[in-house]
């Protein structure tokens, strides 16, 4: 139904916004933690 579809769309938008915030925060932290991240990825 249309209502449920709109709800799912709103949720996807919220998730996109959260992901953008997390990525921005991760990018800021990445500057100081790049060495740690590189060690963890190996």
PDB file of N, CA and C in Angstrom:
ATOM      1  N   UNK A   1       0.834  -1.198   0.000  1.00  0.00           N
ATOM      2  CA  UNK A   1       0.000   0.000   0.000  1.00  0.00           C
ATOM      3  C   UNK A   1       0.875   1.256   0.000  1.00  0.00           C
ATOM      4  N   UNK A   2       0.262   2.391  -0.347  1.00  0.00           N
ATOM      5  CA  UNK A   2       1.033   3.623  -0.501  1.00  0.00           C
ATOM      6  C   UNK A   2       1.665   4.111   0.788  1.00  0.00           C
ATOM      7  N   UNK A   3       0.949   3.918   1.907  1.00  0.00           N
ATOM      8  CA  UNK A   3       1.480   4.420   3.183  1.00  0.00           C
ATOM      9  C   UNK A   3       2.770   3.699   3.542  1.00  0.00           C
ATOM     10  N   UNK A   4       2.729   2.369   3.438  1.00  0.00           N
ATOM     11  CA  UNK A   4       3.905   1.595   3.827  1.00  0.00           C
ATOM     12  C   UNK A   4       5.083   1.922   2.914  1.00  0.00           C
ATOM     13  N   UNK A   5       4.780   2.151   1.634  1.00  0.00           N
ATOM     14  CA  UNK A   5       5.846   2.479   0.690  1.00  0.00           C
ATOM     15  C   UNK A   5       6.510   3.797   1.090  1.00  0.00           C
ATOM     16  N   UNK A   6       5.699   4.790   1.491  1.00  0.00           N
ATOM     17  CA  UNK A   6       6.265   6.077   1.888  1.00  0.00           C
ATOM     18  C   UNK A   6       7.102   5.913   3.145  1.00  0.00           C
ATOM     19  N   UNK A   7       6.633   5.076   4.071  1.00  0.00           N
ATOM     20  CA  UNK A   7       7.395   4.840   5.291  1.00  0.00           C
ATOM     21  C   UNK A   7       8.759   4.272   4.962  1.00  0.00           C
ATOM     22  N   UNK A   8       8.771   3.292   4.061  1.00  0.00           N
ATOM     23  CA  UNK A   8      10.048   2.679   3.710  1.00  0.00           C
ATOM     24  C   UNK A   8      10.962   3.711   3.057  1.00  0.00           C
ATOM     25  N   UNK A   9      10.385   4.591   2.243  1.00  0.00           N
ATOM     26  CA  UNK A   9      11.190   5.625   1.596  1.00  0.00           C
ATOM     27  C   UNK A   9      11.784   6.559   2.642  1.00  0.00           C
ATOM     28  N   UNK A  10      10.966   6.954   3.648  1.00  0.00           N
ATOM     29  CA  UNK A  10      11.474   7.818   4.711  1.00  0.00           C
ATOM     30  C   UNK A  10      12.602   7.129   5.462  1.00  0.00           C
ATOM     31  N   UNK A  11      12.435   5.838   5.746  1.00  0.00           N
ATOM     32  CA  UNK A  11      13.478   5.101   6.453  1.00  0.00           C
ATOM     33  C   UNK A  11      14.767   5.085   5.642  1.00  0.00           C
ATOM     34  N   UNK A  12      14.647   4.872   4.334  1.00  0.00           N
ATOM     35  CA  UNK A  12      15.845   4.850   3.498  1.00  0.00           C
ATOM     36  C   UNK A  12      16.537   6.201   3.526  1.00  0.00           C
ATOM     37  N   UNK A  13      15.744   7.277   3.518  1.00  0.00           N
ATOM     38  CA  UNK A  13      16.348   8.606   3.592  1.00  0.00           C
ATOM     39  C   UNK A  13      17.076   8.792   4.915  1.00  0.00           C
ATOM     40  N   UNK A  14      16.444   8.354   6.014  1.00  0.00           N
ATOM     41  CA  UNK A  14      17.069   8.474   7.329  1.00  0.00           C
ATOM     42  C   UNK A  14      18.366   7.684   7.373  1.00  0.00           C
ATOM     43  N   UNK A  15      18.334   6.475   6.818  1.00  0.00           N
ATOM     44  CA  UNK A  15      19.530   5.637   6.810  1.00  0.00           C
ATOM     45  C   UNK A  15      20.623   6.311   5.983  1.00  0.00           C
ATOM     46  N   UNK A  16      20.248   6.896   4.842  1.00  0.00           N
ATOM     47  CA  UNK A  16      21.230   7.601   4.020  1.00  0.00           C
ATOM     48  C   UNK A  16      21.859   8.741   4.801  1.00  0.00           C
ATOM     49  N   UNK A  17      21.038   9.499   5.546  1.00  0.00           N
ATOM     50  CA  UNK A  17      21.561  10.618   6.325  1.00  0.00           C
ATOM     51  C   UNK A  17      22.495  10.113   7.418  1.00  0.00           C
ATOM     52  N   UNK A  18      22.086   9.033   8.099  1.00  0.00           N
ATOM     53  CA  UNK A  18      22.941   8.463   9.142  1.00  0.00           C
ATOM     54  C   UNK A  18      24.266   8.017   8.540  1.00  0.00           C
ATOM     55  N   UNK A  19      24.191   7.339   7.411  1.00  0.00           N
ATOM     56  CA  UNK A  19      25.405   6.848   6.767  1.00  0.00           C
ATOM     57  C   UNK A  19      26.311   8.015   6.390  1.00  0.00           C
ATOM     58  N   UNK A  20      25.722   9.103   5.888  1.00  0.00           N
ATOM     59  CA  UNK A  20      26.511  10.276   5.521  1.00  0.00           C
ATOM     60  C   UNK A  20      27.197  10.855   6.752  1.00  0.00           C
ATOM     61  N   UNK A  21      26.471  10.920   7.881  1.00  0.00           N
ATOM     62  CA  UNK A  21      27.068  11.436   9.120  1.00  0.00           C
ATOM     63  C   UNK A  21      28.210  10.540   9.570  1.00  0.00           C
ATOM     64  N   UNK A  22      27.968   9.222   9.522  1.00  0.00           N
ATOM     65  CA  UNK A  22      28.997   8.278   9.959  1.00  0.00           C
ATOM     66  C   UNK A  22      30.225   8.401   9.064  1.00  0.00           C
ATOM     67  N   UNK A  23      30.000   8.509   7.755  1.00  0.00           N
ATOM     68  CA  UNK A  23      31.131   8.638   6.829  1.00  0.00           C
ATOM     69  C   UNK A  23      31.900   9.926   7.087  1.00  0.00           C
ATOM     70  N   UNK A  24      31.173  11.026   7.353  1.00  0.00           N
ATOM     71  CA  UNK A  24      31.837  12.302   7.620  1.00  0.00           C
ATOM     72  C   UNK A  24      32.669  12.202   8.890  1.00  0.00           C
ATOM     73  N   UNK A  25      32.089  11.588   9.927  1.00  0.00           N
ATOM     74  CA  UNK A  25      32.816  11.427  11.189  1.00  0.00           C
ATOM     75  C   UNK A  25      34.022  10.521  10.974  1.00  0.00           C
ATOM     76  N   UNK A  26      33.822   9.449  10.218  1.00  0.00           N
ATOM     77  CA  UNK A  26      34.921   8.524   9.949  1.00  0.00           C
ATOM     78  C   UNK A  26      36.019   9.225   9.158  1.00  0.00           C
ATOM     79  N   UNK A  27      35.636  10.089   8.230  1.00  0.00           N
ATOM     80  CA  UNK A  27      36.633  10.812   7.440  1.00  0.00           C
ATOM     81  C   UNK A  27      37.442  11.739   8.339  1.00  0.00           C
ATOM     82  N   UNK A  28      36.768  12.405   9.291  1.00  0.00           N
ATOM     83  CA  UNK A  28      37.484  13.280  10.215  1.00  0.00           C
ATOM     84  C   UNK A  28      38.440  12.471  11.082  1.00  0.00           C
ATOM     85  N   UNK A  29      37.957  11.335  11.591  1.00  0.00           N
ATOM     86  CA  UNK A  29      38.791  10.491  12.442  1.00  0.00           C
ATOM     87  C   UNK A  29      39.904   9.844  11.630  1.00  0.00           C
ATOM     88  N   UNK A  30      39.640   9.615  10.351  1.00  0.00           N
ATOM     89  CA  UNK A  30      40.592   8.930   9.485  1.00  0.00           C
ATOM     90  C   UNK A  30      41.926   9.662   9.454  1.00  0.00           C
ATOM     91  N   UNK A  31      41.884  10.993   9.520  1.00  0.00           N
ATOM     92  CA  UNK A  31      43.126  11.766   9.467  1.00  0.00           C
ATOM     93  C   UNK A  31      44.074  11.340  10.578  1.00  0.00           C
ATOM     94  N   UNK A  32      43.547  11.128  11.791  1.00  0.00           N
ATOM     95  CA  UNK A  32      44.407  10.786  12.919  1.00  0.00           C
ATOM     96  C   UNK A  32      44.581   9.280  13.063  1.00  0.00           C
ATOM     97  N   UNK A  33      43.663   8.502  12.490  1.00  0.00           N
ATOM     98  CA  UNK A  33      43.682   7.051  12.703  1.00  0.00           C
ATOM     99  C   UNK A  33      44.096   6.273  11.461  1.00  0.00           C
ATOM    100  N   UNK A  34      44.631   6.959  10.465  1.00  0.00           N
ATOM    101  CA  UNK A  34      44.915   6.271   9.203  1.00  0.00           C
ATOM    102  C   UNK A  34      45.865   5.093   9.428  1.00  0.00           C
ATOM    103  N   UNK A  35      46.883   5.287  10.274  1.00  0.00           N
ATOM    104  CA  UNK A  35      47.854   4.214  10.502  1.00  0.00           C
ATOM    105  C   UNK A  35      47.161   3.018  11.137  1.00  0.00           C
ATOM    106  N   UNK A  36      46.311   3.274  12.138  1.00  0.00           N
ATOM    107  CA  UNK A  36      45.584   2.191  12.806  1.00  0.00           C
ATOM    108  C   UNK A  36      44.702   1.458  11.807  1.00  0.00           C
ATOM    109  N   UNK A  37      43.988   2.207  10.975  1.00  0.00           N
ATOM    110  CA  UNK A  37      43.103   1.595   9.982  1.00  0.00           C
ATOM    111  C   UNK A  37      43.911   0.719   9.036  1.00  0.00           C
ATOM    112  N   UNK A  38      45.064   1.212   8.593  1.00  0.00           N
ATOM    113  CA  UNK A  38      45.891   0.429   7.681  1.00  0.00           C
ATOM    114  C   UNK A  38      46.341  -0.867   8.342  1.00  0.00           C
ATOM    115  N   UNK A  39      46.677  -0.801   9.627  1.00  0.00           N
ATOM    116  CA  UNK A  39      47.093  -2.009  10.328  1.00  0.00           C
ATOM    117  C   UNK A  39      45.938  -2.991  10.431  1.00  0.00           C
ATOM    118  N   UNK A  40      44.730  -2.475  10.700  1.00  0.00           N
ATOM    119  CA  UNK A  40      43.574  -3.354  10.872  1.00  0.00           C
ATOM    120  C   UNK A  40      43.185  -4.008   9.556  1.00  0.00           C
ATOM    121  N   UNK A  41      43.398  -3.324   8.441  1.00  0.00           N
ATOM    122  CA  UNK A  41      42.951  -3.854   7.151  1.00  0.00           C
ATOM    123  C   UNK A  41      43.814  -5.015   6.690  1.00  0.00           C
ATOM    124  N   UNK A  42      45.057  -5.103   7.173  1.00  0.00           N
ATOM    125  CA  UNK A  42      45.950  -6.167   6.697  1.00  0.00           C
ATOM    126  C   UNK A  42      45.604  -7.513   7.304  1.00  0.00           C
TER     127      UNK A  42
END
